[in-house]
């Protein structure tokens, strides 16, 4: 079976055209997927006496009805990150075990948020158990 392609449309052989089309489709799919994913990342600070067990503090992303969608712990530099989130509105919950639970509205509808800064001891003194907007970074 032979395919005739107009010389005005393309001068490449049919198999090269197919390969090029697949590469273009694959690349645009990857770009579209990347644009539909969001990231939330930040760092936890303490103004005084950082607890030795800070790396055990759970950090969660909650969806509707406060359903846990993801959980992580701070790294050795007290940073945290969530990747692969769908655009939408969430709650970011940070727990200082047996001391404090902080909850923040997290709007990832339009863009990722990668500069979240939580000064945990100060926030716990004023907002324990409440759901608030994220503090300015």
N, C-alpha and C. Protein backbone atom coordinates (compact mmCIF):
# COMPACT_ATOMS: atom_id res chain seq x y z
N UNK A 1 0.85 -1.16 0.00
CA UNK A 1 0.00 0.00 0.00
C UNK A 1 0.90 1.23 0.00
N UNK A 2 0.64 2.14 -0.84
CA UNK A 2 1.42 3.37 -0.91
C UNK A 2 0.52 4.56 -0.63
N UNK A 3 1.10 5.59 -0.02
CA UNK A 3 0.38 6.81 0.27
C UNK A 3 0.95 7.92 -0.57
N UNK A 4 0.11 8.69 -1.16
CA UNK A 4 0.56 9.82 -1.94
C UNK A 4 0.29 11.09 -1.14
N UNK A 5 1.31 11.84 -0.93
CA UNK A 5 1.16 13.10 -0.21
C UNK A 5 1.46 14.23 -1.18
N UNK A 6 0.70 15.24 -1.10
CA UNK A 6 0.90 16.38 -1.98
C UNK A 6 2.26 16.99 -1.71
N UNK A 7 2.99 17.33 -2.75
CA UNK A 7 4.31 17.94 -2.55
C UNK A 7 4.21 19.34 -1.98
N UNK A 8 3.02 19.89 -2.04
CA UNK A 8 2.85 21.23 -1.48
C UNK A 8 2.69 21.20 0.04
N UNK A 9 2.21 20.09 0.58
CA UNK A 9 1.99 19.98 2.01
C UNK A 9 3.24 19.57 2.76
N UNK A 10 3.98 18.64 2.20
CA UNK A 10 5.11 18.12 2.94
C UNK A 10 6.10 17.47 1.99
N UNK A 11 7.36 17.68 2.26
CA UNK A 11 8.37 17.06 1.42
C UNK A 11 9.09 15.93 2.16
N UNK A 12 8.66 15.62 3.39
CA UNK A 12 9.26 14.53 4.14
C UNK A 12 8.57 13.21 3.82
N UNK A 13 9.28 12.09 3.93
CA UNK A 13 8.63 10.79 3.76
C UNK A 13 7.55 10.60 4.83
N UNK A 14 6.54 9.76 4.51
CA UNK A 14 5.39 9.56 5.38
C UNK A 14 5.80 9.14 6.80
N UNK A 15 6.77 8.22 6.96
CA UNK A 15 7.14 7.75 8.29
C UNK A 15 7.77 8.86 9.13
N UNK A 16 8.47 9.78 8.52
CA UNK A 16 9.06 10.90 9.27
C UNK A 16 7.99 11.90 9.70
N UNK A 17 7.01 12.07 8.84
CA UNK A 17 5.89 12.96 9.19
C UNK A 17 5.15 12.39 10.39
N UNK A 18 4.92 11.09 10.42
CA UNK A 18 4.21 10.44 11.53
C UNK A 18 5.00 10.59 12.82
N UNK A 19 6.30 10.36 12.75
CA UNK A 19 7.14 10.49 13.93
C UNK A 19 7.14 11.93 14.44
N UNK A 20 7.25 12.88 13.54
CA UNK A 20 7.23 14.29 13.94
C UNK A 20 5.90 14.65 14.58
N UNK A 21 4.81 14.17 14.02
CA UNK A 21 3.48 14.45 14.57
C UNK A 21 3.34 13.87 15.98
N UNK A 22 3.84 12.65 16.18
CA UNK A 22 3.77 12.04 17.51
C UNK A 22 4.59 12.81 18.53
N UNK A 23 5.76 13.28 18.13
CA UNK A 23 6.60 14.07 19.04
C UNK A 23 5.89 15.36 19.43
N UNK A 24 5.30 16.03 18.46
CA UNK A 24 4.59 17.28 18.74
C UNK A 24 3.39 17.03 19.65
N UNK A 25 2.62 16.00 19.38
CA UNK A 25 1.47 15.67 20.22
C UNK A 25 1.92 15.34 21.64
N UNK A 26 2.98 14.55 21.77
CA UNK A 26 3.50 14.20 23.09
C UNK A 26 3.99 15.41 23.87
N UNK A 27 4.70 16.30 23.20
CA UNK A 27 5.22 17.50 23.86
C UNK A 27 4.09 18.41 24.32
N UNK A 28 3.09 18.61 23.50
CA UNK A 28 1.97 19.47 23.90
C UNK A 28 1.17 18.83 25.02
N UNK A 29 1.06 17.51 25.05
CA UNK A 29 0.36 16.83 26.14
C UNK A 29 1.10 17.04 27.46
N UNK A 30 2.43 16.95 27.42
CA UNK A 30 3.23 17.15 28.63
C UNK A 30 3.11 18.58 29.13
N UNK A 31 3.10 19.54 28.23
CA UNK A 31 2.95 20.94 28.62
C UNK A 31 1.58 21.15 29.26
N UNK A 32 0.54 20.62 28.64
CA UNK A 32 -0.82 20.77 29.18
C UNK A 32 -0.93 20.11 30.55
N UNK A 33 -0.34 18.94 30.73
CA UNK A 33 -0.37 18.27 32.02
C UNK A 33 0.33 19.11 33.06
N UNK A 34 1.48 19.68 32.74
CA UNK A 34 2.22 20.52 33.68
C UNK A 34 1.44 21.74 34.09
N UNK A 35 0.64 22.29 33.18
CA UNK A 35 -0.14 23.47 33.51
C UNK A 35 -1.34 23.12 34.37
N UNK A 36 -1.76 21.89 34.40
CA UNK A 36 -2.90 21.51 35.19
C UNK A 36 -2.50 21.00 36.57
N UNK A 37 -1.24 21.05 36.89
CA UNK A 37 -0.73 20.59 38.18
C UNK A 37 -0.27 21.79 39.00
N UNK A 38 -0.45 21.72 40.29
CA UNK A 38 -0.02 22.80 41.18
C UNK A 38 0.91 22.25 42.24
N UNK A 39 1.61 23.18 42.86
CA UNK A 39 2.58 22.86 43.89
C UNK A 39 2.38 23.81 45.06
N UNK A 40 2.52 23.31 46.27
CA UNK A 40 2.49 24.13 47.48
C UNK A 40 3.75 23.79 48.26
N UNK A 41 4.52 24.82 48.60
CA UNK A 41 5.78 24.58 49.30
C UNK A 41 6.09 25.75 50.21
N UNK A 42 6.84 25.48 51.25
CA UNK A 42 7.21 26.54 52.17
C UNK A 42 8.18 26.08 53.24
N UNK A 43 8.23 26.85 54.32
CA UNK A 43 9.16 26.59 55.40
C UNK A 43 8.52 26.96 56.73
N UNK A 44 8.92 26.26 57.78
CA UNK A 44 8.45 26.54 59.14
C UNK A 44 9.62 27.14 59.92
N UNK A 45 9.33 28.25 60.60
CA UNK A 45 10.31 28.90 61.47
C UNK A 45 9.79 28.93 62.89
N UNK A 46 10.67 29.06 63.84
CA UNK A 46 10.34 29.36 65.22
C UNK A 46 11.14 30.58 65.63
N UNK A 47 10.52 31.49 66.38
CA UNK A 47 11.25 32.69 66.81
C UNK A 47 12.22 32.35 67.94
N UNK A 48 11.89 31.34 68.70
CA UNK A 48 12.71 30.93 69.84
C UNK A 48 12.69 29.42 69.98
N UNK A 49 13.81 28.84 70.28
CA UNK A 49 13.89 27.44 70.66
C UNK A 49 13.14 26.49 69.72
N UNK A 50 13.67 26.29 68.54
CA UNK A 50 13.09 25.35 67.60
C UNK A 50 13.07 23.96 68.24
N UNK A 51 11.90 23.32 68.28
CA UNK A 51 11.82 21.99 68.90
C UNK A 51 12.71 20.98 68.16
N UNK A 52 13.33 20.12 68.94
CA UNK A 52 14.21 19.11 68.35
C UNK A 52 13.44 18.13 67.46
N UNK A 53 12.16 17.97 67.73
CA UNK A 53 11.35 17.01 66.96
C UNK A 53 10.56 17.67 65.83
N UNK A 54 10.94 18.85 65.38
CA UNK A 54 10.19 19.56 64.33
C UNK A 54 10.01 18.72 63.07
N UNK A 55 10.97 17.87 62.77
CA UNK A 55 10.85 17.04 61.56
C UNK A 55 9.76 15.98 61.67
N UNK A 56 9.14 15.84 62.85
CA UNK A 56 8.05 14.88 63.03
C UNK A 56 6.68 15.56 62.97
N UNK A 57 6.65 16.87 62.75
CA UNK A 57 5.38 17.60 62.70
C UNK A 57 4.66 17.29 61.38
N UNK A 58 3.46 16.72 61.43
CA UNK A 58 2.75 16.43 60.19
C UNK A 58 2.23 17.71 59.51
N UNK A 59 2.35 17.73 58.20
CA UNK A 59 1.83 18.82 57.38
C UNK A 59 0.92 18.16 56.35
N UNK A 60 -0.32 18.65 56.27
CA UNK A 60 -1.32 17.98 55.45
C UNK A 60 -1.99 18.94 54.47
N UNK A 61 -2.44 18.39 53.38
CA UNK A 61 -3.32 19.08 52.43
C UNK A 61 -4.69 18.42 52.57
N UNK A 62 -5.71 19.23 52.87
CA UNK A 62 -7.05 18.72 53.05
C UNK A 62 -7.95 19.22 51.93
N UNK A 63 -8.83 18.36 51.47
CA UNK A 63 -9.81 18.74 50.45
C UNK A 63 -11.16 18.98 51.09
N UNK A 64 -12.21 18.82 50.30
CA UNK A 64 -13.56 19.00 50.81
C UNK A 64 -13.85 18.10 52.00
N UNK A 65 -14.65 18.59 52.92
CA UNK A 65 -15.01 17.86 54.15
C UNK A 65 -13.76 17.49 54.96
N UNK A 66 -12.73 18.29 54.84
CA UNK A 66 -11.47 18.08 55.56
C UNK A 66 -10.87 16.68 55.35
N UNK A 67 -11.06 16.15 54.15
CA UNK A 67 -10.48 14.85 53.81
C UNK A 67 -9.00 15.03 53.48
N UNK A 68 -8.15 14.26 54.13
CA UNK A 68 -6.72 14.34 53.88
C UNK A 68 -6.40 13.81 52.49
N UNK A 69 -5.75 14.66 51.68
CA UNK A 69 -5.34 14.28 50.33
C UNK A 69 -3.86 13.95 50.26
N UNK A 70 -3.08 14.59 51.12
CA UNK A 70 -1.62 14.36 51.11
C UNK A 70 -1.06 14.73 52.48
N UNK A 71 0.05 14.12 52.83
CA UNK A 71 0.72 14.43 54.09
C UNK A 71 2.23 14.30 53.90
N UNK A 72 2.96 15.17 54.58
CA UNK A 72 4.42 15.10 54.56
C UNK A 72 4.93 15.60 55.90
N UNK A 73 6.25 15.64 56.02
CA UNK A 73 6.92 16.16 57.22
C UNK A 73 8.01 17.13 56.75
N UNK A 74 8.39 18.06 57.61
CA UNK A 74 9.47 18.98 57.22
C UNK A 74 10.78 18.22 57.00
N UNK A 75 11.60 18.73 56.08
CA UNK A 75 12.91 18.13 55.85
C UNK A 75 13.91 18.68 56.87
N UNK A 76 15.17 18.39 56.69
CA UNK A 76 16.21 18.81 57.65
C UNK A 76 16.38 20.32 57.73
N UNK A 77 15.86 21.04 56.75
CA UNK A 77 15.91 22.51 56.76
C UNK A 77 14.54 23.10 57.08
N UNK A 78 13.63 22.25 57.55
CA UNK A 78 12.27 22.62 57.98
C UNK A 78 11.39 23.07 56.82
N UNK A 79 11.73 22.64 55.60
CA UNK A 79 10.92 22.94 54.42
C UNK A 79 9.94 21.80 54.17
N UNK A 80 8.87 22.14 53.46
CA UNK A 80 7.89 21.14 53.06
C UNK A 80 7.44 21.44 51.64
N UNK A 81 6.93 20.42 50.95
CA UNK A 81 6.46 20.63 49.58
C UNK A 81 5.45 19.54 49.22
N UNK A 82 4.45 19.96 48.45
CA UNK A 82 3.47 19.07 47.87
C UNK A 82 3.44 19.35 46.37
N UNK A 83 3.53 18.33 45.57
CA UNK A 83 3.50 18.49 44.11
C UNK A 83 2.35 17.67 43.54
N UNK A 84 2.00 17.97 42.30
CA UNK A 84 0.98 17.20 41.61
C UNK A 84 -0.44 17.45 42.08
N UNK A 85 -0.68 18.61 42.69
CA UNK A 85 -2.03 18.94 43.14
C UNK A 85 -2.85 19.50 41.98
N UNK A 86 -4.11 19.20 41.95
CA UNK A 86 -4.99 19.77 40.94
C UNK A 86 -5.31 21.21 41.31
N UNK A 87 -5.57 22.05 40.31
CA UNK A 87 -6.01 23.41 40.63
C UNK A 87 -7.27 23.33 41.49
N UNK A 88 -7.32 24.17 42.52
CA UNK A 88 -8.48 24.16 43.41
C UNK A 88 -8.18 24.82 44.72
N UNK A 89 -9.13 24.72 45.64
CA UNK A 89 -9.00 25.30 46.98
C UNK A 89 -8.84 24.18 47.98
N UNK A 90 -7.90 24.37 48.89
CA UNK A 90 -7.55 23.37 49.88
C UNK A 90 -7.38 24.03 51.24
N UNK A 91 -7.12 23.19 52.24
CA UNK A 91 -6.68 23.65 53.55
C UNK A 91 -5.31 23.04 53.79
N UNK A 92 -4.37 23.89 54.20
CA UNK A 92 -3.04 23.46 54.61
C UNK A 92 -3.06 23.37 56.13
N UNK A 93 -2.80 22.19 56.68
CA UNK A 93 -2.85 22.01 58.13
C UNK A 93 -1.48 21.59 58.64
N UNK A 94 -0.98 22.33 59.63
CA UNK A 94 0.30 22.03 60.27
C UNK A 94 0.02 21.71 61.74
N UNK A 95 0.60 20.63 62.21
CA UNK A 95 0.34 20.20 63.59
C UNK A 95 1.63 20.16 64.39
N UNK A 96 1.62 20.86 65.52
CA UNK A 96 2.68 20.76 66.52
C UNK A 96 2.11 19.80 67.55
N UNK A 97 2.52 18.52 67.51
CA UNK A 97 1.87 17.50 68.33
C UNK A 97 1.73 17.90 69.80
N UNK A 98 0.52 17.68 70.31
CA UNK A 98 0.13 17.95 71.70
C UNK A 98 0.21 19.43 72.08
N UNK A 99 0.34 20.33 71.07
CA UNK A 99 0.46 21.75 71.36
C UNK A 99 -0.49 22.61 70.56
N UNK A 100 -0.52 22.40 69.22
CA UNK A 100 -1.19 23.37 68.37
C UNK A 100 -1.51 22.77 67.00
N UNK A 101 -2.64 23.22 66.42
CA UNK A 101 -3.00 22.86 65.06
C UNK A 101 -3.32 24.15 64.32
N UNK A 102 -2.58 24.41 63.24
CA UNK A 102 -2.80 25.59 62.42
C UNK A 102 -3.40 25.16 61.09
N UNK A 103 -4.42 25.88 60.65
CA UNK A 103 -5.07 25.59 59.37
C UNK A 103 -5.16 26.86 58.55
N UNK A 104 -4.80 26.75 57.28
CA UNK A 104 -4.79 27.91 56.38
C UNK A 104 -5.52 27.58 55.09
N UNK A 105 -6.30 28.56 54.61
CA UNK A 105 -6.92 28.43 53.29
C UNK A 105 -5.81 28.52 52.24
N UNK A 106 -5.86 27.61 51.29
CA UNK A 106 -4.82 27.51 50.27
C UNK A 106 -5.51 27.48 48.91
N UNK A 107 -5.40 28.57 48.16
CA UNK A 107 -6.07 28.67 46.87
C UNK A 107 -5.05 28.43 45.75
N UNK A 108 -5.14 27.25 45.16
CA UNK A 108 -4.26 26.88 44.05
C UNK A 108 -5.03 26.87 42.73
N UNK A 109 -6.13 27.62 42.67
CA UNK A 109 -6.96 27.63 41.46
C UNK A 109 -6.21 28.18 40.26
N UNK A 110 -5.44 29.24 40.47
CA UNK A 110 -4.78 29.90 39.34
C UNK A 110 -3.28 29.66 39.27
N UNK A 111 -2.66 29.40 40.42
CA UNK A 111 -1.20 29.23 40.40
C UNK A 111 -0.73 28.47 41.63
N UNK A 112 0.50 27.98 41.56
CA UNK A 112 1.14 27.32 42.70
C UNK A 112 1.52 28.36 43.75
N UNK A 113 1.76 27.88 44.96
CA UNK A 113 2.25 28.74 46.04
C UNK A 113 3.49 28.07 46.61
N UNK A 114 4.66 28.68 46.38
CA UNK A 114 5.90 28.03 46.76
C UNK A 114 6.73 28.84 47.75
N UNK A 115 6.16 29.91 48.28
CA UNK A 115 6.90 30.76 49.23
C UNK A 115 6.13 30.88 50.54
N UNK A 116 5.50 29.81 50.99
CA UNK A 116 4.72 29.84 52.23
C UNK A 116 5.70 29.87 53.41
N UNK A 117 5.50 30.82 54.30
CA UNK A 117 6.34 30.94 55.49
C UNK A 117 5.45 30.94 56.73
N UNK A 118 5.68 29.99 57.61
CA UNK A 118 4.91 29.88 58.84
C UNK A 118 5.86 30.06 60.02
N UNK A 119 5.61 31.08 60.83
CA UNK A 119 6.36 31.26 62.08
C UNK A 119 5.49 30.60 63.15
N UNK A 120 5.79 29.34 63.38
CA UNK A 120 4.86 28.47 64.08
C UNK A 120 4.56 28.87 65.51
N UNK A 121 5.55 29.22 66.30
CA UNK A 121 5.25 29.55 67.70
C UNK A 121 4.40 30.81 67.79
N UNK A 122 4.66 31.81 66.97
CA UNK A 122 3.86 33.04 66.98
C UNK A 122 2.44 32.76 66.48
N UNK A 123 2.31 31.99 65.42
CA UNK A 123 0.98 31.65 64.89
C UNK A 123 0.19 30.82 65.89
N UNK A 124 0.85 29.90 66.56
CA UNK A 124 0.15 29.07 67.56
C UNK A 124 -0.37 29.91 68.72
N UNK A 125 0.36 30.94 69.09
CA UNK A 125 -0.07 31.80 70.19
C UNK A 125 -1.36 32.55 69.87
N UNK A 126 -1.65 32.76 68.58
CA UNK A 126 -2.80 33.57 68.20
C UNK A 126 -3.88 32.83 67.41
N UNK A 127 -3.54 31.73 66.75
CA UNK A 127 -4.48 31.13 65.81
C UNK A 127 -4.67 29.62 65.97
N UNK A 128 -4.33 29.06 67.11
CA UNK A 128 -4.49 27.63 67.34
C UNK A 128 -5.95 27.23 67.15
N UNK A 129 -6.18 26.23 66.31
CA UNK A 129 -7.52 25.70 66.11
C UNK A 129 -8.39 26.47 65.14
N UNK A 130 -7.92 27.58 64.61
CA UNK A 130 -8.69 28.38 63.66
C UNK A 130 -8.26 28.08 62.23
N UNK A 131 -9.11 28.43 61.27
CA UNK A 131 -8.73 28.38 59.86
C UNK A 131 -8.61 29.82 59.38
N UNK A 132 -7.43 30.18 58.90
CA UNK A 132 -7.14 31.56 58.50
C UNK A 132 -6.55 31.61 57.10
N UNK A 133 -6.43 32.82 56.58
CA UNK A 133 -5.66 33.03 55.35
C UNK A 133 -4.20 32.83 55.69
N UNK A 134 -3.41 32.47 54.69
CA UNK A 134 -1.97 32.32 54.91
C UNK A 134 -1.37 33.66 55.31
N UNK A 135 -0.40 33.64 56.23
CA UNK A 135 0.27 34.90 56.59
C UNK A 135 1.08 35.39 55.39
N UNK A 136 1.27 36.70 55.28
CA UNK A 136 2.08 37.22 54.16
C UNK A 136 3.52 36.70 54.26
N UNK A 137 4.08 36.40 53.10
CA UNK A 137 5.46 35.86 53.08
C UNK A 137 6.46 36.98 52.97
